[in-house]
């Protein structure tokens, strides 16, 4: 009996170690899922846009797509930080939510995403976000700049809002931190030590002076709703945590409550 128990214990330990090694070695591929594009690739968004390629270093270029406001009375600009999959093409359909309300929308692709080139690290995400903001500040005052983060982009937008002024910070399907997402799936692993990309949204929100609005779907299977709710204690009086009942990670804009609250914020 003891031999059987010992044999099974060794199997369990081996499986535990193998899964842990796989998570550690594959973490960047699991977190970052870019779809690179050729520099000559022609975007076709079906709406007017301007493409900007901003040299960042000898080996990296920042690709930005700018969608103009549909109204001649421009209210400002939305700096949009997208999720972890593919590139701007996947997220461009969200632009009319803002352009129809008088806002220009600028979307940035991270290193290795779309036409952007360079090495992707957490610090590089922050550095590029700051360059993105400074580009906007050359044309807009802080009180006309909205920082919008979706999914993975929420941590990036929150970090930027913690060091620069803006009209508002809006987070769609945010997370407490990247390691905390692993905790929800693999609670037996020391995620904070294993995962080198932290993106601690909870930490940055405490330093944000601008109004914060969080949207999260109750049925989000990518970033669990309970994970996002951990951010609520760090919100200021007047900030809002909006629960979209029945929504998942990528369909919030299909729900009337999301559109209603967003339209109110943009007014």
Protein backbone atom coordinates (compact mmCIF):
# COMPACT_ATOMS: atom_id res chain seq x y z
CA UNK A 1 0.00 0.00 0.00
CA UNK A 2 2.79 2.41 0.90
CA UNK A 3 4.54 1.64 -2.39
CA UNK A 4 1.37 2.44 -4.34
CA UNK A 5 0.89 5.72 -2.49
CA UNK A 6 4.55 6.62 -3.00
CA UNK A 7 4.32 5.78 -6.71
CA UNK A 8 1.26 7.97 -7.18
CA UNK A 9 2.87 10.75 -5.17
CA UNK A 10 5.85 10.73 -7.51
CA UNK A 11 3.53 10.87 -10.52
CA UNK A 12 1.62 13.82 -9.06
CA UNK A 13 4.84 15.69 -8.29
CA UNK A 14 6.19 14.98 -11.77
CA UNK A 15 3.01 16.23 -13.45
CA UNK A 16 3.00 19.32 -11.22
CA UNK A 17 6.60 20.12 -12.17
CA UNK A 18 6.05 19.52 -15.88
CA UNK A 19 3.02 21.81 -15.96
CA UNK A 20 4.93 24.47 -14.01
CA UNK A 21 7.89 24.28 -16.39
CA UNK A 22 5.57 24.52 -19.40
CA UNK A 23 3.81 27.59 -17.96
CA UNK A 24 7.12 29.29 -17.21
CA UNK A 25 8.67 28.60 -20.61
CA UNK A 26 5.56 29.34 -22.65
CA UNK A 27 4.24 32.32 -20.67
CA UNK A 28 5.02 34.92 -23.34
CA UNK A 29 3.33 32.84 -26.04
CA UNK A 30 0.30 32.37 -23.81
CA UNK A 31 0.04 36.05 -22.88
CA UNK A 32 1.09 37.73 -26.13
CA UNK A 33 -0.57 36.45 -29.30
CA UNK A 34 0.42 38.93 -32.00
CA UNK A 35 -0.24 38.71 -35.72
CA UNK A 36 2.54 40.55 -37.55
CA UNK A 37 1.85 42.26 -40.86
CA UNK A 38 4.09 43.21 -43.75
CA UNK A 39 5.12 46.90 -43.86
CA UNK A 40 3.44 47.03 -47.28
CA UNK A 41 0.15 45.60 -46.03
CA UNK A 42 -2.84 47.77 -46.98
CA UNK A 43 -5.42 48.29 -44.25
CA UNK A 44 -9.07 48.39 -45.29
CA UNK A 45 -11.20 49.46 -42.34
CA UNK A 46 -14.14 50.71 -44.38
CA UNK A 47 -13.88 54.15 -42.75
CA UNK A 48 -11.42 57.04 -43.15
CA UNK A 49 -8.12 56.69 -41.29
CA UNK A 50 -4.55 57.88 -41.20
CA UNK A 51 -1.62 55.54 -40.69
CA UNK A 52 1.42 56.76 -38.76
CA UNK A 53 4.70 54.89 -38.56
CA UNK A 54 6.84 56.38 -35.83
CA UNK A 55 10.53 55.33 -35.66
CA UNK A 56 11.36 54.48 -32.06
CA UNK A 57 14.85 53.05 -32.40
CA UNK A 58 17.09 51.56 -35.07
CA UNK A 59 15.29 48.24 -34.69
CA UNK A 60 11.72 49.23 -33.80
CA UNK A 61 8.84 51.22 -35.26
CA UNK A 62 5.52 52.15 -33.67
CA UNK A 63 2.50 51.74 -35.92
CA UNK A 64 -0.52 53.91 -35.07
CA UNK A 65 -3.89 54.16 -36.79
CA UNK A 66 -5.87 57.38 -36.37
CA UNK A 67 -9.63 57.40 -36.98
CA UNK A 68 -11.15 60.89 -37.33
CA UNK A 69 -14.26 62.03 -35.48
CA UNK A 70 -17.43 61.92 -37.54
CA UNK A 71 -18.54 65.26 -36.10
CA UNK A 72 -16.88 68.54 -37.06
CA UNK A 73 -17.13 69.65 -33.41
CA UNK A 74 -14.25 67.55 -32.10
CA UNK A 75 -14.30 66.92 -28.35
CA UNK A 76 -10.90 65.28 -28.05
CA UNK A 77 -9.06 62.03 -28.65
CA UNK A 78 -9.33 58.49 -27.31
CA UNK A 79 -6.00 56.67 -26.97
CA UNK A 80 -6.98 53.02 -27.36
CA UNK A 81 -4.82 50.22 -25.92
CA UNK A 82 -6.05 46.93 -27.31
CA UNK A 83 -5.98 43.34 -26.11
CA UNK A 84 -3.41 40.59 -26.50
CA UNK A 85 -4.54 39.06 -29.80
CA UNK A 86 -3.62 39.78 -33.43
CA UNK A 87 -3.37 43.54 -34.15
CA UNK A 88 -5.33 46.75 -34.70
CA UNK A 89 -7.51 45.13 -37.38
CA UNK A 90 -9.19 43.03 -34.69
CA UNK A 91 -10.11 46.09 -32.60
CA UNK A 92 -10.84 48.73 -35.26
CA UNK A 93 -14.61 47.95 -35.22
CA UNK A 94 -14.72 49.62 -31.78
CA UNK A 95 -13.65 52.99 -33.21
CA UNK A 96 -17.16 54.17 -34.26
CA UNK A 97 -18.27 54.00 -30.62
CA UNK A 98 -16.11 57.07 -30.10
CA UNK A 99 -15.88 58.74 -33.52
CA UNK A 100 -19.68 58.95 -33.63
CA UNK A 101 -19.54 60.97 -30.41
CA UNK A 102 -17.05 63.56 -31.64
CA UNK A 103 -13.77 61.93 -30.62
CA UNK A 104 -10.78 61.01 -32.72
CA UNK A 105 -9.57 57.49 -31.96
CA UNK A 106 -5.91 56.54 -32.05
CA UNK A 107 -4.96 52.87 -31.80
CA UNK A 108 -1.44 51.63 -31.19
CA UNK A 109 0.03 48.23 -32.02
CA UNK A 110 2.54 46.84 -29.51
CA UNK A 111 6.00 45.54 -30.52
CA UNK A 112 5.56 42.57 -32.84
CA UNK A 113 1.86 43.30 -33.41
CA UNK A 114 0.69 44.31 -36.88
CA UNK A 115 3.27 46.61 -38.46
CA UNK A 116 4.95 47.55 -35.18
CA UNK A 117 8.41 46.08 -34.76
CA UNK A 118 10.76 45.58 -31.82
CA UNK A 119 11.17 43.44 -28.73
CA UNK A 120 8.11 43.18 -26.50
CA UNK A 121 8.72 43.61 -22.78
CA UNK A 122 6.57 45.06 -20.01
CA UNK A 123 8.79 48.13 -19.78
CA UNK A 124 8.60 48.62 -23.55
CA UNK A 125 4.80 48.61 -23.33
CA UNK A 126 4.99 51.43 -20.80
CA UNK A 127 7.61 53.34 -22.79
CA UNK A 128 5.60 53.15 -26.00
CA UNK A 129 2.43 54.21 -24.19
CA UNK A 130 4.21 57.34 -23.01
CA UNK A 131 5.41 58.13 -26.54
CA UNK A 132 1.82 57.61 -27.72
CA UNK A 133 0.57 60.05 -25.08
CA UNK A 134 3.20 62.67 -25.91
CA UNK A 135 2.21 62.48 -29.56
CA UNK A 136 -1.38 63.23 -28.55
CA UNK A 137 -0.31 66.03 -26.19
CA UNK A 138 1.26 67.86 -29.12
CA UNK A 139 -2.30 68.45 -30.36
CA UNK A 140 -4.62 68.01 -27.36
CA UNK A 141 -4.79 69.24 -23.79
CA UNK A 142 -4.98 66.62 -21.00
CA UNK A 143 -8.65 67.40 -20.37
CA UNK A 144 -9.52 66.25 -23.88
CA UNK A 145 -7.56 62.97 -23.79
CA UNK A 146 -9.36 59.76 -22.78
CA UNK A 147 -7.24 56.69 -22.08
CA UNK A 148 -9.09 53.49 -23.00
CA UNK A 149 -7.77 50.02 -22.25
CA UNK A 150 -9.26 46.72 -23.37
CA UNK A 151 -8.35 43.45 -21.68
CA UNK A 152 -4.52 43.27 -21.70
CA UNK A 153 -4.42 46.95 -22.61
CA UNK A 154 -6.09 47.93 -19.33
CA UNK A 155 -2.88 47.50 -17.35
CA UNK A 156 -0.96 49.62 -19.86
CA UNK A 157 -3.60 52.37 -19.88
CA UNK A 158 -3.72 52.36 -16.07
CA UNK A 159 0.04 52.75 -15.77
CA UNK A 160 -0.02 55.69 -18.17
CA UNK A 161 -2.92 57.33 -16.30
CA UNK A 162 -0.94 56.98 -13.06
CA UNK A 163 1.87 59.20 -14.40
CA UNK A 164 0.07 61.53 -16.82
CA UNK A 165 -3.11 63.62 -16.62
CA UNK A 166 -6.15 62.78 -18.73
CA UNK A 167 -9.87 63.46 -18.90
CA UNK A 168 -10.81 59.90 -17.96
CA UNK A 169 -9.52 56.36 -17.73
CA UNK A 170 -11.87 53.71 -19.11
CA UNK A 171 -11.12 50.01 -18.63
CA UNK A 172 -12.92 47.26 -20.52
CA UNK A 173 -12.47 43.79 -18.99
CA UNK A 174 -9.51 44.64 -16.73
CA UNK A 175 -7.53 42.36 -14.44
CA UNK A 176 -6.00 42.74 -10.99
CA UNK A 177 -2.59 41.71 -12.36
CA UNK A 178 -1.30 39.19 -14.88
CA UNK A 179 -0.07 36.72 -12.20
CA UNK A 180 -3.49 36.86 -10.53
CA UNK A 181 -5.08 35.49 -13.72
CA UNK A 182 -2.81 32.47 -13.48
CA UNK A 183 -3.80 32.13 -9.82
CA UNK A 184 -7.43 31.73 -10.84
CA UNK A 185 -6.55 28.82 -13.13
CA UNK A 186 -3.59 27.22 -11.38
CA UNK A 187 -3.88 28.16 -7.69
CA UNK A 188 -1.14 25.75 -6.58
CA UNK A 189 1.65 27.57 -8.43
CA UNK A 190 3.66 30.58 -7.13
CA UNK A 191 2.47 32.74 -10.02
CA UNK A 192 3.96 36.00 -8.81
CA UNK A 193 7.42 34.45 -8.91
CA UNK A 194 6.88 32.53 -12.14
CA UNK A 195 5.32 35.25 -14.32
CA UNK A 196 7.73 38.04 -15.28
CA UNK A 197 5.10 40.29 -16.91
CA UNK A 198 3.18 41.77 -13.97
CA UNK A 199 1.00 44.65 -15.27
CA UNK A 200 -0.30 45.34 -11.73
CA UNK A 201 -3.44 47.30 -12.52
CA UNK A 202 -4.44 47.38 -8.84
CA UNK A 203 -1.26 49.26 -8.00
CA UNK A 204 -1.61 51.87 -10.75
CA UNK A 205 -5.26 52.67 -10.06
CA UNK A 206 -4.28 54.02 -6.65
CA UNK A 207 -2.25 56.75 -8.36
CA UNK A 208 -4.85 57.82 -10.94
CA UNK A 209 -6.35 61.26 -10.33
CA UNK A 210 -8.73 61.18 -13.33
CA UNK A 211 -12.21 59.63 -13.14
CA UNK A 212 -12.14 55.86 -13.70
CA UNK A 213 -14.86 53.74 -15.28
CA UNK A 214 -14.59 49.94 -15.38
CA UNK A 215 -16.75 47.71 -17.59
CA UNK A 216 -16.71 43.96 -17.03
CA UNK A 217 -18.92 41.13 -18.19
CA UNK A 218 -20.30 38.76 -15.58
CA UNK A 219 -19.62 35.76 -17.87
CA UNK A 220 -16.09 36.71 -18.91
CA UNK A 221 -14.20 33.43 -19.36
CA UNK A 222 -10.87 35.08 -20.22
CA UNK A 223 -10.51 37.43 -17.27
CA UNK A 224 -12.84 36.17 -14.53
CA UNK A 225 -15.32 38.67 -13.18
CA UNK A 226 -14.17 37.98 -9.61
CA UNK A 227 -10.64 38.95 -10.63
CA UNK A 228 -11.76 42.34 -11.90
CA UNK A 229 -13.92 42.92 -8.80
CA UNK A 230 -10.72 42.91 -6.76
CA UNK A 231 -10.03 46.33 -8.30
CA UNK A 232 -13.14 47.93 -6.83
CA UNK A 233 -11.59 48.79 -3.43
CA UNK A 234 -9.00 50.93 -5.24
CA UNK A 235 -11.58 53.15 -6.94
CA UNK A 236 -12.18 56.71 -5.74
CA UNK A 237 -15.54 58.18 -4.78
CA UNK A 238 -17.21 59.03 -8.07
CA UNK A 239 -15.47 56.26 -10.01
CA UNK A 240 -17.68 53.51 -11.44
CA UNK A 241 -17.55 49.72 -11.72
CA UNK A 242 -20.19 48.72 -14.27
CA UNK A 243 -21.21 45.06 -14.39
CA UNK A 244 -22.58 43.93 -17.75
CA UNK A 245 -24.73 40.90 -16.96
CA UNK A 246 -24.28 38.05 -19.42
CA UNK A 247 -21.39 39.67 -21.28
CA UNK A 248 -18.15 37.91 -22.13
CA UNK A 249 -14.67 39.29 -22.84
CA UNK A 250 -15.28 40.45 -26.40
CA UNK A 251 -18.98 41.32 -26.70
CA UNK A 252 -19.55 44.13 -24.21
CA UNK A 253 -20.34 46.67 -26.92
CA UNK A 254 -23.34 44.56 -27.97
CA UNK A 255 -25.07 45.27 -24.65
CA UNK A 256 -27.29 48.37 -24.25
CA UNK A 257 -26.01 49.11 -20.72
CA UNK A 258 -22.41 49.35 -21.96
CA UNK A 259 -23.37 51.70 -24.79
CA UNK A 260 -25.56 53.79 -22.50
CA UNK A 261 -22.85 54.26 -19.88
CA UNK A 262 -20.15 54.90 -22.48
CA UNK A 263 -22.27 57.45 -24.34
CA UNK A 264 -22.92 59.25 -21.05
CA UNK A 265 -19.22 59.34 -20.30
CA UNK A 266 -18.35 60.68 -23.77
CA UNK A 267 -20.89 63.50 -23.46
